[in-house]
Amino acid sequence: MGYRDQKSALRSLTEVAASQGGYFTARQAEDAGYDAPHLTYHLSAGNFERAGRGLYRIPTLPLSEQDDLIRLWLWSRGRDDQPRAVVSHQAALVLHDLAEFIPTTIHLTVPHGFRKQPPQGCVLHKGRLDRNETQSFDALPVTAPLRTLRDLAATGTLPTEQFENAVGAAVQRGLIRQRDADELLGYDHKRRSANGSVGDR
């Protein structure tokens, strides 16, 4: 890219990082006007921090409450530097305020062709998501409430009471329709009766 003065470059990079919990990628830094030597200099000066492979952070920006999710989302970047993951299952349920527990494992849904091995504490589900099955939570793409509940019904990773409470809360808040709730509860009950399994969070 063409030359960009230091203030303009910092302003551009800060805008990107602020929308991503303070994080930015090497390619985003380059697009903002920081070539490799400049990036190395600012890392050594403490202006930027290394946060992972090709991932950095501006330490003066506040950490997001969803810091762990943002890091995993950015970890899922492809060769085009675009993240591939969508927050799903239990983590999405919590973001929709349909659960009170803190998930011990983070679940992400990625495209079928995704090849990266997930870090510890992360579970990947490969599948296709339509546009109406996702929505944004700040910078994060998250499965919509109905898709989230369908995923959980299919995997059986919530105890029955928690799942029923989540479905009921979604109906009460107008996030899903009653007929969707009836379908979800019926499917969940049928699956549990068939195999008797209740997964972990």
N, C-alpha and C. Protein backbone atom coordinates (compact mmCIF):
# COMPACT_ATOMS: atom_id res chain seq x y z
N MET A 1 0.84 -1.19 0.00
CA MET A 1 0.00 0.00 0.00
C MET A 1 0.87 1.23 0.00
N GLY A 2 0.31 2.40 -0.27
CA GLY A 2 1.07 3.62 -0.30
C GLY A 2 1.46 4.09 1.09
N TYR A 3 2.32 5.10 1.14
CA TYR A 3 2.80 5.63 2.42
C TYR A 3 1.65 6.24 3.21
N ARG A 4 1.67 6.00 4.49
CA ARG A 4 0.68 6.60 5.39
C ARG A 4 1.42 7.13 6.60
N ASP A 5 1.18 8.36 7.02
CA ASP A 5 1.91 8.92 8.16
C ASP A 5 1.56 8.16 9.43
N GLN A 6 2.42 8.29 10.44
CA GLN A 6 2.32 7.50 11.66
C GLN A 6 0.98 7.69 12.38
N LYS A 7 0.53 8.93 12.49
CA LYS A 7 -0.73 9.19 13.20
C LYS A 7 -1.90 8.56 12.47
N SER A 8 -1.90 8.69 11.16
CA SER A 8 -2.97 8.11 10.36
C SER A 8 -2.96 6.59 10.46
N ALA A 9 -1.76 6.00 10.43
CA ALA A 9 -1.64 4.54 10.53
C ALA A 9 -2.13 4.06 11.88
N LEU A 10 -1.74 4.74 12.95
CA LEU A 10 -2.16 4.35 14.29
C LEU A 10 -3.67 4.50 14.45
N ARG A 11 -4.21 5.57 13.93
CA ARG A 11 -5.65 5.80 14.02
C ARG A 11 -6.41 4.69 13.30
N SER A 12 -5.93 4.32 12.12
CA SER A 12 -6.59 3.28 11.33
C SER A 12 -6.49 1.92 12.04
N LEU A 13 -5.32 1.60 12.56
CA LEU A 13 -5.13 0.31 13.22
C LEU A 13 -5.92 0.25 14.53
N THR A 14 -5.95 1.34 15.26
CA THR A 14 -6.68 1.38 16.52
C THR A 14 -8.17 1.17 16.30
N GLU A 15 -8.68 1.74 15.22
CA GLU A 15 -10.10 1.57 14.90
C GLU A 15 -10.43 0.10 14.65
N VAL A 16 -9.54 -0.57 13.91
CA VAL A 16 -9.75 -2.00 13.65
C VAL A 16 -9.64 -2.80 14.95
N ALA A 17 -8.60 -2.54 15.71
CA ALA A 17 -8.36 -3.31 16.94
C ALA A 17 -9.48 -3.09 17.96
N ALA A 18 -9.99 -1.88 18.05
CA ALA A 18 -11.04 -1.58 19.02
C ALA A 18 -12.30 -2.38 18.74
N SER A 19 -12.52 -2.72 17.48
CA SER A 19 -13.71 -3.52 17.12
C SER A 19 -13.47 -5.01 17.34
N GLN A 20 -12.25 -5.38 17.73
CA GLN A 20 -11.88 -6.78 17.90
C GLN A 20 -11.26 -7.03 19.28
N GLY A 21 -11.75 -6.30 20.27
CA GLY A 21 -11.26 -6.50 21.63
C GLY A 21 -9.82 -6.09 21.84
N GLY A 22 -9.31 -5.21 20.97
CA GLY A 22 -7.93 -4.75 21.09
C GLY A 22 -6.95 -5.50 20.21
N TYR A 23 -7.41 -6.53 19.51
CA TYR A 23 -6.52 -7.38 18.70
C TYR A 23 -6.49 -6.94 17.24
N PHE A 24 -5.39 -7.26 16.60
CA PHE A 24 -5.27 -7.06 15.15
C PHE A 24 -4.32 -8.10 14.60
N THR A 25 -4.44 -8.36 13.31
CA THR A 25 -3.57 -9.33 12.66
C THR A 25 -2.42 -8.62 11.94
N ALA A 26 -1.43 -9.40 11.56
CA ALA A 26 -0.29 -8.83 10.84
C ALA A 26 -0.74 -8.19 9.53
N ARG A 27 -1.70 -8.82 8.87
CA ARG A 27 -2.18 -8.26 7.61
C ARG A 27 -2.96 -6.98 7.84
N GLN A 28 -3.72 -6.92 8.90
CA GLN A 28 -4.44 -5.69 9.22
C GLN A 28 -3.47 -4.56 9.55
N ALA A 29 -2.37 -4.90 10.22
CA ALA A 29 -1.35 -3.89 10.50
C ALA A 29 -0.73 -3.37 9.21
N GLU A 30 -0.46 -4.29 8.30
CA GLU A 30 0.11 -3.89 7.01
C GLU A 30 -0.86 -3.00 6.23
N ASP A 31 -2.14 -3.37 6.25
CA ASP A 31 -3.15 -2.57 5.56
C ASP A 31 -3.26 -1.17 6.16
N ALA A 32 -3.00 -1.06 7.47
CA ALA A 32 -3.10 0.23 8.14
C ALA A 32 -1.87 1.10 7.88
N GLY A 33 -0.76 0.47 7.45
CA GLY A 33 0.43 1.25 7.15
C GLY A 33 1.68 0.82 7.89
N TYR A 34 1.63 -0.31 8.60
CA TYR A 34 2.79 -0.81 9.34
C TYR A 34 3.42 -1.97 8.57
N ASP A 35 4.61 -1.75 8.03
CA ASP A 35 5.31 -2.87 7.40
C ASP A 35 6.02 -3.67 8.49
N ALA A 36 6.66 -4.77 8.12
CA ALA A 36 7.26 -5.67 9.10
C ALA A 36 8.26 -4.98 10.04
N PRO A 37 9.19 -4.15 9.54
CA PRO A 37 10.12 -3.47 10.46
C PRO A 37 9.41 -2.56 11.45
N HIS A 38 8.38 -1.82 10.98
CA HIS A 38 7.64 -0.95 11.89
C HIS A 38 6.93 -1.76 12.96
N LEU A 39 6.34 -2.87 12.57
CA LEU A 39 5.64 -3.72 13.51
C LEU A 39 6.60 -4.26 14.56
N THR A 40 7.77 -4.71 14.10
CA THR A 40 8.79 -5.22 15.02
C THR A 40 9.24 -4.14 16.00
N TYR A 41 9.41 -2.93 15.50
CA TYR A 41 9.83 -1.83 16.36
C TYR A 41 8.80 -1.57 17.46
N HIS A 42 7.54 -1.49 17.08
CA HIS A 42 6.49 -1.18 18.07
C HIS A 42 6.29 -2.32 19.06
N LEU A 43 6.57 -3.55 18.64
CA LEU A 43 6.54 -4.67 19.58
C LEU A 43 7.64 -4.54 20.61
N SER A 44 8.85 -4.22 20.14
CA SER A 44 9.98 -4.08 21.07
C SER A 44 9.82 -2.88 21.99
N ALA A 45 9.12 -1.85 21.51
CA ALA A 45 8.89 -0.66 22.32
C ALA A 45 7.73 -0.83 23.30
N GLY A 46 6.99 -1.92 23.17
CA GLY A 46 5.88 -2.16 24.07
C GLY A 46 4.58 -1.50 23.65
N ASN A 47 4.58 -0.89 22.47
CA ASN A 47 3.35 -0.25 21.99
C ASN A 47 2.32 -1.29 21.55
N PHE A 48 2.82 -2.42 21.05
CA PHE A 48 1.97 -3.55 20.68
C PHE A 48 2.44 -4.77 21.45
N GLU A 49 1.56 -5.74 21.60
CA GLU A 49 1.90 -7.00 22.25
C GLU A 49 1.60 -8.16 21.31
N ARG A 50 2.47 -9.16 21.35
CA ARG A 50 2.22 -10.36 20.56
C ARG A 50 1.21 -11.23 21.30
N ALA A 51 0.16 -11.67 20.60
CA ALA A 51 -0.90 -12.43 21.25
C ALA A 51 -1.06 -13.83 20.66
N GLY A 52 -0.28 -14.14 19.64
CA GLY A 52 -0.38 -15.45 19.00
C GLY A 52 0.28 -15.38 17.65
N ARG A 53 0.17 -16.44 16.89
CA ARG A 53 0.80 -16.47 15.57
C ARG A 53 0.09 -15.47 14.64
N GLY A 54 0.84 -14.44 14.26
CA GLY A 54 0.29 -13.42 13.38
C GLY A 54 -0.79 -12.56 14.03
N LEU A 55 -0.89 -12.62 15.37
CA LEU A 55 -1.93 -11.88 16.09
C LEU A 55 -1.28 -10.99 17.14
N TYR A 56 -1.76 -9.77 17.23
CA TYR A 56 -1.18 -8.78 18.14
C TYR A 56 -2.28 -8.02 18.86
N ARG A 57 -1.85 -7.23 19.86
CA ARG A 57 -2.82 -6.47 20.63
C ARG A 57 -2.26 -5.10 20.99
N ILE A 58 -3.15 -4.11 21.02
CA ILE A 58 -2.79 -2.78 21.51
C ILE A 58 -3.11 -2.75 22.99
N PRO A 59 -2.09 -2.74 23.86
CA PRO A 59 -2.33 -2.91 25.30
C PRO A 59 -3.12 -1.79 25.96
N THR A 60 -3.18 -0.63 25.33
CA THR A 60 -3.93 0.48 25.93
C THR A 60 -5.43 0.35 25.74
N LEU A 61 -5.85 -0.55 24.87
CA LEU A 61 -7.28 -0.77 24.66
C LEU A 61 -7.81 -1.76 25.69
N PRO A 62 -9.03 -1.56 26.19
CA PRO A 62 -9.56 -2.45 27.23
C PRO A 62 -9.87 -3.83 26.68
N LEU A 63 -9.69 -4.81 27.54
CA LEU A 63 -10.05 -6.18 27.18
C LEU A 63 -11.56 -6.31 27.12
N SER A 64 -12.03 -7.07 26.16
CA SER A 64 -13.46 -7.34 26.06
C SER A 64 -13.85 -8.40 27.09
N GLU A 65 -15.10 -8.38 27.51
CA GLU A 65 -15.60 -9.44 28.38
C GLU A 65 -15.59 -10.78 27.66
N GLN A 66 -15.56 -10.74 26.35
CA GLN A 66 -15.54 -11.95 25.53
C GLN A 66 -14.15 -12.22 24.97
N ASP A 67 -13.12 -11.88 25.73
CA ASP A 67 -11.75 -11.97 25.23
C ASP A 67 -11.40 -13.37 24.72
N ASP A 68 -11.78 -14.40 25.47
CA ASP A 68 -11.43 -15.76 25.04
C ASP A 68 -12.11 -16.14 23.73
N LEU A 69 -13.36 -15.67 23.56
CA LEU A 69 -14.08 -15.96 22.32
C LEU A 69 -13.48 -15.20 21.14
N ILE A 70 -13.11 -13.95 21.37
CA ILE A 70 -12.51 -13.15 20.29
C ILE A 70 -11.19 -13.75 19.83
N ARG A 71 -10.39 -14.21 20.77
CA ARG A 71 -9.10 -14.82 20.40
C ARG A 71 -9.30 -16.08 19.57
N LEU A 72 -10.27 -16.90 19.96
CA LEU A 72 -10.54 -18.11 19.19
C LEU A 72 -11.12 -17.78 17.81
N TRP A 73 -11.98 -16.78 17.77
CA TRP A 73 -12.55 -16.36 16.49
C TRP A 73 -11.43 -15.91 15.54
N LEU A 74 -10.50 -15.11 16.05
CA LEU A 74 -9.39 -14.64 15.22
C LEU A 74 -8.41 -15.78 14.90
N TRP A 75 -8.30 -16.75 15.79
CA TRP A 75 -7.46 -17.93 15.52
C TRP A 75 -7.96 -18.68 14.29
N SER A 76 -9.25 -18.61 14.03
CA SER A 76 -9.84 -19.39 12.93
C SER A 76 -9.62 -18.77 11.56
N ARG A 77 -8.75 -17.76 11.47
CA ARG A 77 -8.52 -17.10 10.19
C ARG A 77 -8.01 -18.06 9.13
N GLY A 78 -8.48 -17.82 7.89
CA GLY A 78 -8.00 -18.57 6.76
C GLY A 78 -6.85 -17.84 6.09
N ARG A 79 -6.44 -18.32 4.94
CA ARG A 79 -5.31 -17.69 4.23
C ARG A 79 -5.64 -16.27 3.79
N ASP A 80 -6.91 -15.96 3.67
CA ASP A 80 -7.31 -14.61 3.29
C ASP A 80 -7.43 -13.69 4.51
N ASP A 81 -7.03 -14.19 5.68
CA ASP A 81 -7.03 -13.44 6.93
C ASP A 81 -8.44 -13.23 7.50
N GLN A 82 -9.43 -13.90 6.94
CA GLN A 82 -10.80 -13.76 7.42
C GLN A 82 -11.14 -14.92 8.38
N PRO A 83 -11.65 -14.60 9.57
CA PRO A 83 -12.04 -15.67 10.50
C PRO A 83 -13.14 -16.54 9.90
N ARG A 84 -13.10 -17.82 10.23
CA ARG A 84 -14.06 -18.78 9.69
C ARG A 84 -15.09 -19.24 10.73
N ALA A 85 -14.79 -19.07 12.00
CA ALA A 85 -15.61 -19.65 13.05
C ALA A 85 -16.80 -18.78 13.43
N VAL A 86 -17.85 -19.45 13.89
CA VAL A 86 -19.02 -18.80 14.46
C VAL A 86 -19.22 -19.38 15.86
N VAL A 87 -19.36 -18.53 16.84
CA VAL A 87 -19.59 -19.00 18.22
C VAL A 87 -20.94 -19.72 18.27
N SER A 88 -20.96 -20.91 18.86
CA SER A 88 -22.19 -21.70 18.83
C SER A 88 -22.37 -22.49 20.12
N HIS A 89 -23.43 -23.29 20.15
CA HIS A 89 -23.73 -24.19 21.26
C HIS A 89 -23.77 -23.44 22.61
N GLN A 90 -23.09 -23.98 23.65
CA GLN A 90 -23.21 -23.39 24.98
C GLN A 90 -22.75 -21.94 25.04
N ALA A 91 -21.66 -21.63 24.37
CA ALA A 91 -21.14 -20.26 24.40
C ALA A 91 -22.13 -19.28 23.79
N ALA A 92 -22.78 -19.69 22.71
CA ALA A 92 -23.79 -18.83 22.08
C ALA A 92 -24.99 -18.68 23.00
N LEU A 93 -25.37 -19.75 23.69
CA LEU A 93 -26.50 -19.70 24.61
C LEU A 93 -26.25 -18.67 25.70
N VAL A 94 -25.04 -18.62 26.22
CA VAL A 94 -24.69 -17.65 27.25
C VAL A 94 -24.71 -16.23 26.70
N LEU A 95 -24.19 -16.04 25.49
CA LEU A 95 -24.21 -14.70 24.88
C LEU A 95 -25.63 -14.21 24.67
N HIS A 96 -26.55 -15.11 24.38
CA HIS A 96 -27.95 -14.74 24.21
C HIS A 96 -28.67 -14.58 25.55
N ASP A 97 -27.92 -14.76 26.63
CA ASP A 97 -28.47 -14.64 27.98
C ASP A 97 -29.59 -15.64 28.22
N LEU A 98 -29.39 -16.84 27.71
CA LEU A 98 -30.36 -17.92 27.89
C LEU A 98 -29.83 -19.01 28.82
N ALA A 99 -28.71 -18.73 29.47
CA ALA A 99 -28.13 -19.68 30.42
C ALA A 99 -27.36 -18.90 31.47
N GLU A 100 -27.25 -19.46 32.65
CA GLU A 100 -26.57 -18.79 33.75
C GLU A 100 -25.21 -19.40 34.08
N PHE A 101 -24.90 -20.53 33.47
CA PHE A 101 -23.62 -21.18 33.77
C PHE A 101 -22.51 -20.60 32.89
N ILE A 102 -21.27 -20.88 33.28
CA ILE A 102 -20.10 -20.52 32.49
C ILE A 102 -19.58 -21.79 31.81
N PRO A 103 -19.60 -21.86 30.49
CA PRO A 103 -19.17 -23.09 29.81
C PRO A 103 -17.72 -23.44 30.11
N THR A 104 -17.46 -24.69 30.33
CA THR A 104 -16.09 -25.15 30.55
C THR A 104 -15.38 -25.42 29.23
N THR A 105 -16.15 -25.54 28.16
CA THR A 105 -15.61 -25.76 26.82
C THR A 105 -16.27 -24.79 25.86
N ILE A 106 -15.49 -24.23 24.95
CA ILE A 106 -16.03 -23.31 23.96
C ILE A 106 -16.28 -24.06 22.66
N HIS A 107 -17.50 -23.95 22.16
CA HIS A 107 -17.87 -24.62 20.92
C HIS A 107 -17.95 -23.60 19.78
N LEU A 108 -17.36 -23.95 18.66
CA LEU A 108 -17.40 -23.11 17.46
C LEU A 108 -17.88 -23.95 16.29
N THR A 109 -18.62 -23.32 15.40
CA THR A 109 -19.03 -23.98 14.17
C THR A 109 -18.19 -23.41 13.03
N VAL A 110 -17.59 -24.29 12.24
CA VAL A 110 -16.70 -23.89 11.15
C VAL A 110 -17.15 -24.59 9.87
N PRO A 111 -16.72 -24.08 8.71
CA PRO A 111 -17.08 -24.74 7.44
C PRO A 111 -16.50 -26.15 7.34
N HIS A 112 -17.09 -26.96 6.47
CA HIS A 112 -16.65 -28.35 6.32
C HIS A 112 -15.18 -28.47 5.93
N GLY A 113 -14.68 -27.52 5.17
CA GLY A 113 -13.30 -27.61 4.71
C GLY A 113 -12.27 -27.10 5.70
N PHE A 114 -12.67 -26.71 6.88
CA PHE A 114 -11.74 -26.16 7.87
C PHE A 114 -10.78 -27.24 8.33
N ARG A 115 -9.48 -26.92 8.40
CA ARG A 115 -8.47 -27.95 8.68
C ARG A 115 -7.68 -27.72 9.97
N LYS A 116 -7.75 -26.58 10.57
CA LYS A 116 -6.96 -26.33 11.78
C LYS A 116 -7.40 -27.22 12.93
N GLN A 117 -6.44 -27.61 13.76
CA GLN A 117 -6.76 -28.37 14.96
C GLN A 117 -7.05 -27.39 16.11
N PRO A 118 -8.16 -27.57 16.80
CA PRO A 118 -8.54 -26.61 17.84
C PRO A 118 -7.61 -26.66 19.03
N PRO A 119 -7.40 -25.53 19.69
CA PRO A 119 -6.61 -25.53 20.93
C PRO A 119 -7.39 -26.21 22.05
N GLN A 120 -6.70 -26.47 23.13
CA GLN A 120 -7.34 -27.13 24.27
C GLN A 120 -8.51 -26.31 24.78
N GLY A 121 -9.60 -26.97 25.12
CA GLY A 121 -10.77 -26.29 25.64
C GLY A 121 -11.72 -25.80 24.58
N CYS A 122 -11.43 -26.13 23.32
CA CYS A 122 -12.28 -25.70 22.20
C CYS A 122 -12.72 -26.92 21.41
N VAL A 123 -14.01 -26.97 21.07
CA VAL A 123 -14.57 -28.04 20.27
C VAL A 123 -15.12 -27.45 18.98
N LEU A 124 -14.78 -28.06 17.87
CA LEU A 124 -15.25 -27.58 16.56
C LEU A 124 -16.38 -28.46 16.05
N HIS A 125 -17.38 -27.81 15.47
CA HIS A 125 -18.47 -28.51 14.80
C HIS A 125 -18.45 -28.04 13.34
N LYS A 126 -18.36 -28.95 12.42
CA LYS A 126 -18.32 -28.58 11.00
C LYS A 126 -19.73 -28.62 10.42
N GLY A 127 -20.10 -27.54 9.77
CA GLY A 127 -21.43 -27.48 9.20
C GLY A 127 -21.64 -26.20 8.43
N ARG A 128 -22.79 -26.12 7.79
CA ARG A 128 -23.14 -24.94 6.99
C ARG A 128 -24.16 -24.11 7.75
N LEU A 129 -23.94 -22.81 7.78
CA LEU A 129 -24.85 -21.89 8.45
C LEU A 129 -25.41 -20.91 7.43
N ASP A 130 -26.72 -20.82 7.35
CA ASP A 130 -27.34 -19.83 6.49
C ASP A 130 -27.26 -18.45 7.15
N ARG A 131 -27.46 -17.41 6.37
CA ARG A 131 -27.36 -16.05 6.91
C ARG A 131 -28.33 -15.80 8.04
N ASN A 132 -29.54 -16.36 7.92
CA ASN A 132 -30.54 -16.13 8.96
C ASN A 132 -30.28 -16.96 10.22
N GLU A 133 -29.23 -17.77 10.19
CA GLU A 133 -28.89 -18.59 11.36
C GLU A 133 -27.76 -17.99 12.17
N THR A 134 -27.28 -16.82 11.77
CA THR A 134 -26.22 -16.16 12.52
C THR A 134 -26.58 -14.69 12.76
N GLN A 135 -25.95 -14.12 13.75
CA GLN A 135 -26.09 -12.69 14.01
C GLN A 135 -24.81 -12.22 14.70
N SER A 136 -24.65 -10.92 14.85
CA SER A 136 -23.43 -10.37 15.42
C SER A 136 -23.62 -10.01 16.88
N PHE A 137 -22.63 -10.32 17.67
CA PHE A 137 -22.56 -9.91 19.07
C PHE A 137 -21.29 -9.09 19.18
N ASP A 138 -21.42 -7.77 19.10
CA ASP A 138 -20.25 -6.89 18.91
C ASP A 138 -19.55 -7.36 17.63
N ALA A 139 -18.27 -7.72 17.71
CA ALA A 139 -17.56 -8.15 16.51
C ALA A 139 -17.79 -9.63 16.21
N LEU A 140 -18.31 -10.36 17.17
CA LEU A 140 -18.37 -11.82 17.04
C LEU A 140 -19.60 -12.29 16.27
N PRO A 141 -19.41 -13.19 15.31
CA PRO A 141 -20.57 -13.86 14.71
C PRO A 141 -21.01 -14.99 15.64
N VAL A 142 -22.30 -15.06 15.89
CA VAL A 142 -22.86 -16.02 16.84
C VAL A 142 -24.07 -16.69 16.19
N THR A 143 -24.26 -17.97 16.46
CA THR A 143 -25.47 -18.61 15.95
C THR A 143 -26.70 -17.96 16.59
N ALA A 144 -27.73 -17.76 15.79
CA ALA A 144 -28.97 -17.16 16.27
C ALA A 144 -29.62 -18.09 17.31
N PRO A 145 -30.51 -17.55 18.15
CA PRO A 145 -31.09 -18.37 19.22
C PRO A 145 -31.69 -19.69 18.76
N LEU A 146 -32.48 -19.67 17.68
CA LEU A 146 -33.11 -20.91 17.23
C LEU A 146 -32.07 -21.93 16.78
N ARG A 147 -31.09 -21.50 16.00
CA ARG A 147 -30.04 -22.42 15.55
C ARG A 147 -29.25 -22.94 16.76
N THR A 148 -28.97 -22.05 17.72
CA THR A 148 -28.24 -22.46 18.92
C THR A 148 -28.98 -23.57 19.65
N LEU A 149 -30.27 -23.39 19.85
CA LEU A 149 -31.07 -24.39 20.56
C LEU A 149 -31.20 -25.68 19.75
N ARG A 150 -31.28 -25.57 18.44
CA ARG A 150 -31.32 -26.77 17.61
C ARG A 150 -30.02 -27.56 17.70
N ASP A 151 -28.90 -26.84 17.71
CA ASP A 151 -27.60 -27.50 17.86
C ASP A 151 -27.52 -28.24 19.19
N LEU A 152 -27.98 -27.59 20.25
CA LEU A 152 -27.92 -28.19 21.57
C LEU A 152 -28.87 -29.38 21.69
N ALA A 153 -30.03 -29.28 21.04
CA ALA A 153 -30.96 -30.41 21.04
C ALA A 153 -30.35 -31.60 20.32
N ALA A 154 -29.62 -31.33 19.24
CA ALA A 154 -29.03 -32.41 18.44
C ALA A 154 -27.87 -33.09 19.16
N THR A 155 -27.11 -32.32 19.95
CA THR A 155 -25.94 -32.90 20.61
C THR A 155 -26.25 -33.38 22.02
N GLY A 156 -27.32 -32.87 22.62
CA GLY A 156 -27.68 -33.28 23.97
C GLY A 156 -26.65 -32.93 25.01
N THR A 157 -26.00 -31.78 24.85
CA THR A 157 -24.92 -31.40 25.75
C THR A 157 -25.38 -30.56 26.94
N LEU A 158 -26.68 -30.41 27.10
CA LEU A 158 -27.21 -29.72 28.28
C LEU A 158 -28.12 -30.67 29.05
N PRO A 159 -28.08 -30.64 30.37
CA PRO A 159 -29.07 -31.39 31.14
C PRO A 159 -30.48 -30.94 30.76
N THR A 160 -31.43 -31.85 30.88
CA THR A 160 -32.80 -31.59 30.44
C THR A 160 -33.37 -30.31 31.02
N GLU A 161 -33.21 -30.10 32.31
CA GLU A 161 -33.80 -28.93 32.96
C GLU A 161 -33.23 -27.64 32.39
N GLN A 162 -31.92 -27.60 32.19
CA GLN A 162 -31.29 -26.40 31.64
C GLN A 162 -31.76 -26.14 30.22
N PHE A 163 -31.89 -27.19 29.44
CA PHE A 163 -32.34 -27.01 28.07
C PHE A 163 -33.78 -26.50 28.05
N GLU A 164 -34.64 -27.09 28.86
CA GLU A 164 -36.03 -26.66 28.90
C GLU A 164 -36.15 -25.21 29.38
N ASN A 165 -35.34 -24.83 30.36
CA ASN A 165 -35.35 -23.45 30.84
C ASN A 165 -34.91 -22.48 29.75
N ALA A 166 -33.91 -22.88 28.98
CA ALA A 166 -33.42 -22.02 27.90
C ALA A 166 -34.47 -21.84 26.82
N VAL A 167 -35.14 -22.92 26.47
CA VAL A 167 -36.20 -22.85 25.46
C VAL A 167 -37.33 -21.96 25.95
N GLY A 168 -37.73 -22.14 27.21
CA GLY A 168 -38.79 -21.33 27.77
C GLY A 168 -38.44 -19.85 27.81
N ALA A 169 -37.20 -19.55 28.18
CA ALA A 169 -36.76 -18.15 28.22
C ALA A 169 -36.75 -17.54 26.82
N ALA A 170 -36.35 -18.33 25.82
CA ALA A 170 -36.31 -17.84 24.44
C ALA A 170 -37.71 -17.50 23.94
N VAL A 171 -38.69 -18.32 24.30
CA VAL A 171 -40.08 -18.03 23.92
C VAL A 171 -40.57 -16.78 24.63
N GLN A 172 -40.32 -16.69 25.92
CA GLN A 172 -40.79 -15.56 26.72
C GLN A 172 -40.24 -14.24 26.21
N ARG A 173 -39.02 -14.25 25.72
CA ARG A 173 -38.39 -13.02 25.23
C ARG A 173 -38.64 -12.79 23.75
N GLY A 174 -39.42 -13.65 23.13
CA GLY A 174 -39.75 -13.47 21.72
C GLY A 174 -38.62 -13.81 20.77
N LEU A 175 -37.65 -14.61 21.22
CA LEU A 175 -36.52 -14.97 20.37
C LEU A 175 -36.85 -16.13 19.44
N ILE A 176 -37.79 -16.98 19.88
CA ILE A 176 -38.27 -18.08 19.04
C ILE A 176 -39.78 -18.17 19.21
N ARG A 177 -40.44 -18.87 18.28
CA ARG A 177 -41.89 -19.04 18.36
C ARG A 177 -42.24 -20.27 19.19
N GLN A 178 -43.48 -20.30 19.68
CA GLN A 178 -43.90 -21.42 20.51
C GLN A 178 -43.84 -22.73 19.73
N ARG A 179 -44.19 -22.70 18.45
CA ARG A 179 -44.14 -23.94 17.67
C ARG A 179 -42.71 -24.44 17.50
N ASP A 180 -41.75 -23.50 17.46
CA ASP A 180 -40.33 -23.90 17.42
C ASP A 180 -39.95 -24.55 18.74
N ALA A 181 -40.45 -23.97 19.83
CA ALA A 181 -40.15 -24.52 21.15
C ALA A 181 -40.71 -25.93 21.29
N ASP A 182 -41.93 -26.13 20.83
CA ASP A 182 -42.54 -27.46 20.91
C ASP A 182 -41.72 -28.47 20.11
N GLU A 183 -41.26 -28.04 18.93
CA GLU A 183 -40.44 -28.92 18.10
C GLU A 183 -39.12 -29.26 18.79
N LEU A 184 -38.49 -28.25 19.38
CA LEU A 184 -37.21 -28.46 20.06
C LEU A 184 -37.36 -29.41 21.24
N LEU A 185 -38.36 -29.17 22.06
CA LEU A 185 -38.56 -30.01 23.25
C LEU A 185 -38.92 -31.44 22.85
N GLY A 186 -39.73 -31.57 21.81
CA GLY A 186 -40.10 -32.91 21.34
C GLY A 186 -38.90 -33.66 20.80
N TYR A 187 -38.08 -32.99 20.01
CA TYR A 187 -36.89 -33.63 19.45
C TYR A 187 -35.92 -34.01 20.54
N ASP A 188 -35.71 -33.08 21.49
CA ASP A 188 -34.77 -33.34 22.58
C ASP A 188 -35.22 -34.54 23.41
N HIS A 189 -36.52 -34.59 23.72
CA HIS A 189 -37.04 -35.69 24.53
C HIS A 189 -36.89 -37.02 23.77
N LYS A 190 -37.19 -37.01 22.49
CA LYS A 190 -37.09 -38.23 21.69
C LYS A 190 -35.65 -38.72 21.62
N ARG A 191 -34.70 -37.79 21.41
CA ARG A 191 -33.30 -38.20 21.31
C ARG A 191 -32.80 -38.75 22.64
N ARG A 192 -33.14 -38.09 23.74
CA ARG A 192 -32.68 -38.57 25.05
C ARG A 192 -33.29 -39.93 25.39
N SER A 193 -34.53 -40.11 25.02
CA SER A 193 -35.19 -41.40 25.29
C SER A 193 -34.55 -42.52 24.50
N ALA A 194 -34.07 -42.17 23.30
CA ALA A 194 -33.47 -43.18 22.43
C ALA A 194 -32.10 -43.65 22.91
N ASN A 195 -31.29 -42.69 23.41
CA ASN A 195 -29.92 -43.09 23.78
C ASN A 195 -29.58 -42.84 25.24
N GLY A 196 -30.45 -42.12 25.97
CA GLY A 196 -30.23 -41.91 27.40
C GLY A 196 -29.00 -41.12 27.74
N SER A 197 -28.48 -40.31 26.79
CA SER A 197 -27.23 -39.58 27.04
C SER A 197 -27.51 -38.14 27.38
N VAL A 198 -26.74 -37.64 28.34
CA VAL A 198 -26.75 -36.22 28.68
C VAL A 198 -25.29 -35.79 28.74
N GLY A 199 -24.89 -34.91 27.85
CA GLY A 199 -23.49 -34.50 27.76
C GLY A 199 -23.09 -33.51 28.82
N ASP A 200 -21.79 -33.18 28.80
CA ASP A 200 -21.25 -32.17 29.70
C ASP A 200 -21.36 -30.80 29.07
N ARG A 201 -21.18 -29.82 29.89
CA ARG A 201 -21.14 -28.45 29.41
C ARG A 201 -19.84 -28.22 28.68
